[in-house]
Amino acid sequence: MPASALPDRAAGGTRAKFVRTATALHAVPFVPEVRLHLADEVIALWERTEAVTGQPQPPPFWAFAWAGGQALARHVLDRPALVAGRTVLDVAAGSGLVAIAASLAGATRVTANEIDPYAAAAIELNAAANRAPVEVVLGDLLDGAGGDADVVLAGDVFYSRELATRMAAFLGRAHRRGALVLVGDPGRAYRPASGFTEVAAYRVPVLAELENARVKPASVLRLDAA
């Protein structure tokens, strides 16, 4: 699916209203500088999303602060020189946490990419809540190379075989054209076995319902070979 303009961009749009009513605005546990619209329960929200739309929906990844995203956002905020004055793409952005962190750290332009329209609406709301300029692009960008972004960021994207395979190829193309590629990962099953260098390691507070734990180790990885 080609990238397209966000159809629900207005703050009063149907999906934005759903996000606001299904979540509450909270500081992110490991990145308290950022506030997100977060949910407390996974299954209940997923069922509610499908009831509203009347059709199957992807899991509501946008409503939770995942370990890999929290680690990568923390790393970017603590090391703003990675993105300051540069253009940034946050791919599979979920809630937009990493994109917002890049914006707050001084990136000149930040694009958050998602395939889920509800995630796109959540990113817009979250960016506005943090007064962080973020452009949202809705669509599948993984057959490309990240456009002209100087920095490509991805938080927690190796959780399924299919996505991990496509993501690794995408990140490799971005790296080969000269982009800095950073990934936040808490040891997901399909993380590539080579090509990445760990540049930071954290212990991240997480929602127990998501991870069967209250704290999850998570690494920030830099792609050095592809």
Protein backbone atom coordinates (compact mmCIF):
# COMPACT_ATOMS: atom_id res chain seq x y z
CA MET A 1 0.00 0.00 0.00
CA PRO A 2 1.57 3.32 -0.99
CA ALA A 3 2.00 6.07 1.55
CA SER A 4 -1.03 8.33 1.71
CA ALA A 5 -2.27 11.40 3.51
CA LEU A 6 -3.83 10.77 6.90
CA PRO A 7 -7.62 10.69 6.36
CA ASP A 8 -8.51 11.47 9.98
CA ARG A 9 -6.09 14.32 10.50
CA ALA A 10 -8.43 16.78 12.23
CA ALA A 11 -8.23 16.70 16.03
CA GLY A 12 -11.98 16.11 16.08
CA GLY A 13 -11.83 13.12 13.72
CA THR A 14 -13.58 9.86 14.55
CA ARG A 15 -10.38 7.91 15.24
CA ALA A 16 -8.92 10.70 17.34
CA LYS A 17 -12.08 10.74 19.44
CA PHE A 18 -11.79 6.98 19.90
CA VAL A 19 -8.15 7.26 21.00
CA ARG A 20 -9.01 9.94 23.55
CA THR A 21 -11.93 7.99 25.03
CA ALA A 22 -10.08 4.64 25.10
CA THR A 23 -6.92 5.94 26.78
CA ALA A 24 -5.62 8.43 29.33
CA LEU A 25 -2.71 10.84 29.02
CA HIS A 26 0.21 9.61 31.15
CA ALA A 27 3.93 10.26 31.49
CA VAL A 28 5.91 7.38 29.97
CA PRO A 29 7.57 5.42 32.82
CA PHE A 30 11.12 5.40 31.39
CA VAL A 31 10.75 8.64 29.44
CA PRO A 32 8.81 10.95 31.78
CA GLU A 33 9.54 13.97 29.59
CA VAL A 34 6.96 12.56 27.17
CA ARG A 35 3.24 12.07 27.77
CA LEU A 36 1.22 9.60 25.71
CA HIS A 37 -2.38 8.46 25.41
CA LEU A 38 -1.99 5.02 27.01
CA ALA A 39 -4.35 2.16 27.80
CA ASP A 40 -4.30 -0.20 30.78
CA GLU A 41 -5.63 -3.35 29.09
CA VAL A 42 -4.70 -4.95 25.78
CA ILE A 43 -7.53 -7.35 25.00
CA ALA A 44 -10.35 -5.05 26.10
CA LEU A 45 -9.06 -2.24 23.89
CA TRP A 46 -8.53 -4.58 20.93
CA GLU A 47 -12.07 -5.89 21.24
CA ARG A 48 -13.41 -2.36 21.54
CA THR A 49 -11.57 -1.30 18.38
CA GLU A 50 -13.03 -4.20 16.41
CA ALA A 51 -16.52 -3.49 17.78
CA VAL A 52 -16.32 0.14 16.66
CA THR A 53 -15.06 -0.69 13.16
CA GLY A 54 -17.07 -3.87 12.64
CA GLN A 55 -14.07 -5.68 11.18
CA PRO A 56 -10.80 -7.31 12.28
CA GLN A 57 -8.14 -4.84 13.38
CA PRO A 58 -4.42 -5.10 14.09
CA PRO A 59 -3.44 -5.20 17.77
CA PRO A 60 -3.54 -1.71 19.31
CA PHE A 61 0.23 -1.27 19.46
CA TRP A 62 -0.33 2.49 19.50
CA ALA A 63 -1.83 2.45 23.00
CA PHE A 64 1.20 1.13 24.89
CA ALA A 65 4.79 2.21 25.59
CA TRP A 66 6.73 -0.86 24.44
CA ALA A 67 10.14 -1.65 25.91
CA GLY A 68 12.13 -1.18 22.72
CA GLY A 69 10.50 2.15 21.98
CA GLN A 70 11.07 3.41 25.50
CA ALA A 71 14.75 2.43 25.35
CA LEU A 72 15.27 4.12 21.98
CA ALA A 73 13.42 7.28 23.03
CA ARG A 74 15.50 7.48 26.22
CA HIS A 75 18.70 7.06 24.19
CA VAL A 76 17.73 9.82 21.75
CA LEU A 77 16.77 12.28 24.48
CA ASP A 78 19.97 11.60 26.42
CA ARG A 79 22.09 11.97 23.26
CA PRO A 80 20.39 14.74 21.26
CA ALA A 81 23.38 15.12 18.94
CA LEU A 82 22.23 11.92 17.22
CA VAL A 83 19.26 13.75 15.71
CA ALA A 84 19.69 17.49 16.32
CA GLY A 85 19.64 19.42 13.06
CA ARG A 86 18.86 16.26 11.07
CA THR A 87 15.83 14.78 9.35
CA VAL A 88 14.38 11.71 11.06
CA LEU A 89 12.05 8.87 10.09
CA ASP A 90 10.42 6.76 12.81
CA VAL A 91 9.09 3.65 11.06
CA ALA A 92 6.36 1.42 12.55
CA ALA A 93 5.97 4.27 14.99
CA GLY A 94 3.13 2.93 17.14
CA SER A 95 2.30 5.65 19.66
CA GLY A 96 4.88 7.99 18.14
CA LEU A 97 7.05 7.93 21.27
CA VAL A 98 10.36 7.70 19.40
CA ALA A 99 9.36 10.33 16.84
CA ILE A 100 8.32 12.70 19.64
CA ALA A 101 11.62 12.13 21.42
CA ALA A 102 13.50 12.97 18.22
CA SER A 103 11.47 16.14 17.78
CA LEU A 104 12.10 17.23 21.37
CA ALA A 105 15.81 16.48 20.90
CA GLY A 106 16.07 19.03 18.10
CA ALA A 107 15.55 17.20 14.81
CA THR A 108 14.74 19.61 12.00
CA ARG A 109 11.99 17.41 10.56
CA VAL A 110 10.47 14.25 11.98
CA THR A 111 8.22 11.84 10.10
CA ALA A 112 6.35 9.06 11.90
CA ASN A 113 5.17 6.23 9.68
CA GLU A 114 2.38 3.74 10.42
CA ILE A 115 0.04 1.41 8.53
CA ASP A 116 -2.71 1.55 11.19
CA PRO A 117 -5.01 4.60 10.90
CA TYR A 118 -5.71 4.46 14.66
CA ALA A 119 -1.97 4.62 15.33
CA ALA A 120 -1.71 7.61 12.99
CA ALA A 121 -4.46 9.38 14.92
CA ALA A 122 -2.76 8.54 18.23
CA ILE A 123 0.57 9.89 17.00
CA GLU A 124 -1.02 13.20 16.04
CA LEU A 125 -2.67 13.52 19.44
CA ASN A 126 0.50 12.54 21.29
CA ALA A 127 2.67 14.93 19.29
CA ALA A 128 0.25 17.77 20.02
CA ALA A 129 0.20 16.90 23.74
CA ASN A 130 3.99 17.25 23.80
CA ARG A 131 4.15 20.29 21.48
CA ALA A 132 6.47 18.26 19.30
CA PRO A 133 6.22 18.84 15.53
CA VAL A 134 5.80 15.43 13.87
CA GLU A 135 4.51 14.70 10.37
CA VAL A 136 2.47 11.50 10.12
CA VAL A 137 2.59 9.37 6.98
CA LEU A 138 0.08 6.53 6.70
CA GLY A 139 1.13 3.62 4.50
CA ASP A 140 3.67 0.84 3.98
CA LEU A 141 7.14 2.27 3.35
CA LEU A 142 9.13 -0.94 3.82
CA ASP A 143 9.83 -1.51 0.14
CA GLY A 144 11.80 1.73 0.04
CA ALA A 145 14.93 3.01 1.77
CA GLY A 146 13.61 5.69 4.10
CA GLY A 147 13.50 8.51 1.58
CA ASP A 148 15.98 11.26 2.40
CA ALA A 149 15.94 10.84 6.19
CA ASP A 150 19.36 11.33 7.77
CA VAL A 151 18.34 9.11 10.69
CA VAL A 152 16.00 6.10 10.62
CA LEU A 153 14.62 4.92 13.96
CA ALA A 154 12.59 1.81 14.78
CA GLY A 155 11.34 0.72 18.19
CA ASP A 156 10.43 -2.91 18.90
CA VAL A 157 9.98 -4.18 15.34
CA PHE A 158 11.35 -7.74 15.42
CA TYR A 159 8.39 -9.48 17.08
CA SER A 160 7.19 -11.46 14.03
CA ARG A 161 9.10 -13.33 11.34
CA GLU A 162 7.44 -11.57 8.40
CA LEU A 163 7.86 -8.06 9.78
CA ALA A 164 11.41 -8.72 10.92
CA THR A 165 12.42 -9.96 7.47
CA ARG A 166 10.95 -6.95 5.69
CA MET A 167 12.21 -4.53 8.32
CA ALA A 168 15.78 -5.85 8.18
CA ALA A 169 15.81 -5.41 4.39
CA PHE A 170 14.39 -1.89 4.68
CA LEU A 171 16.86 -0.85 7.38
CA GLY A 172 19.71 -2.32 5.35
CA ARG A 173 18.80 -0.21 2.33
CA ALA A 174 18.56 2.91 4.51
CA HIS A 175 21.98 2.18 5.98
CA ARG A 176 23.58 1.60 2.59
CA ARG A 177 22.38 4.97 1.28
CA GLY A 178 24.04 6.63 4.29
CA ALA A 179 21.39 6.95 7.00
CA LEU A 180 22.15 6.37 10.65
CA VAL A 181 19.92 3.44 11.67
CA LEU A 182 19.04 2.84 15.33
CA VAL A 183 16.68 0.19 16.67
CA GLY A 184 15.30 -0.36 20.16
CA ASP A 185 14.84 -4.05 20.95
CA PRO A 186 14.07 -6.05 24.13
CA GLY A 187 15.36 -9.36 22.78
CA ARG A 188 12.47 -10.23 20.47
CA ALA A 189 12.56 -13.65 18.84
CA TYR A 190 13.29 -12.46 15.29
CA ARG A 191 15.98 -9.88 15.98
CA PRO A 192 18.71 -10.27 13.30
CA ALA A 193 21.69 -12.23 14.52
CA SER A 194 24.30 -10.00 12.87
CA GLY A 195 24.94 -6.54 11.49
CA PHE A 196 24.01 -4.60 14.63
CA THR A 197 26.15 -3.18 17.44
CA GLU A 198 24.65 -2.65 20.89
CA VAL A 199 25.23 0.98 21.87
CA ALA A 200 23.12 1.13 25.04
CA ALA A 201 21.31 -1.22 27.43
CA TYR A 202 18.52 -0.39 29.85
CA ARG A 203 16.03 -1.99 32.22
CA VAL A 204 12.67 -0.59 31.21
CA PRO A 205 9.41 -0.53 33.23
CA VAL A 206 6.63 -2.17 31.22
CA LEU A 207 3.00 -3.21 31.53
CA ALA A 208 2.93 -6.72 33.01
CA GLU A 209 0.00 -7.75 30.81
CA LEU A 210 2.15 -7.14 27.74
CA GLU A 211 5.44 -8.66 28.81
CA ASN A 212 4.69 -10.99 31.76
CA ALA A 213 7.12 -8.86 33.72
CA ARG A 214 7.23 -5.38 35.24
CA VAL A 215 10.77 -4.64 34.03
CA LYS A 216 12.23 -5.68 30.68
CA PRO A 217 15.86 -5.47 29.54
CA ALA A 218 16.09 -3.55 26.27
CA SER A 219 18.97 -2.58 24.00
CA VAL A 220 19.58 0.17 21.48
CA LEU A 221 21.23 -1.25 18.38
CA ARG A 222 23.10 0.59 15.63
CA LEU A 223 23.16 -0.99 12.20
CA ASP A 224 26.79 -1.15 11.06
CA ALA A 225 26.67 -3.76 8.28
CA ALA A 226 23.94 -4.74 5.88
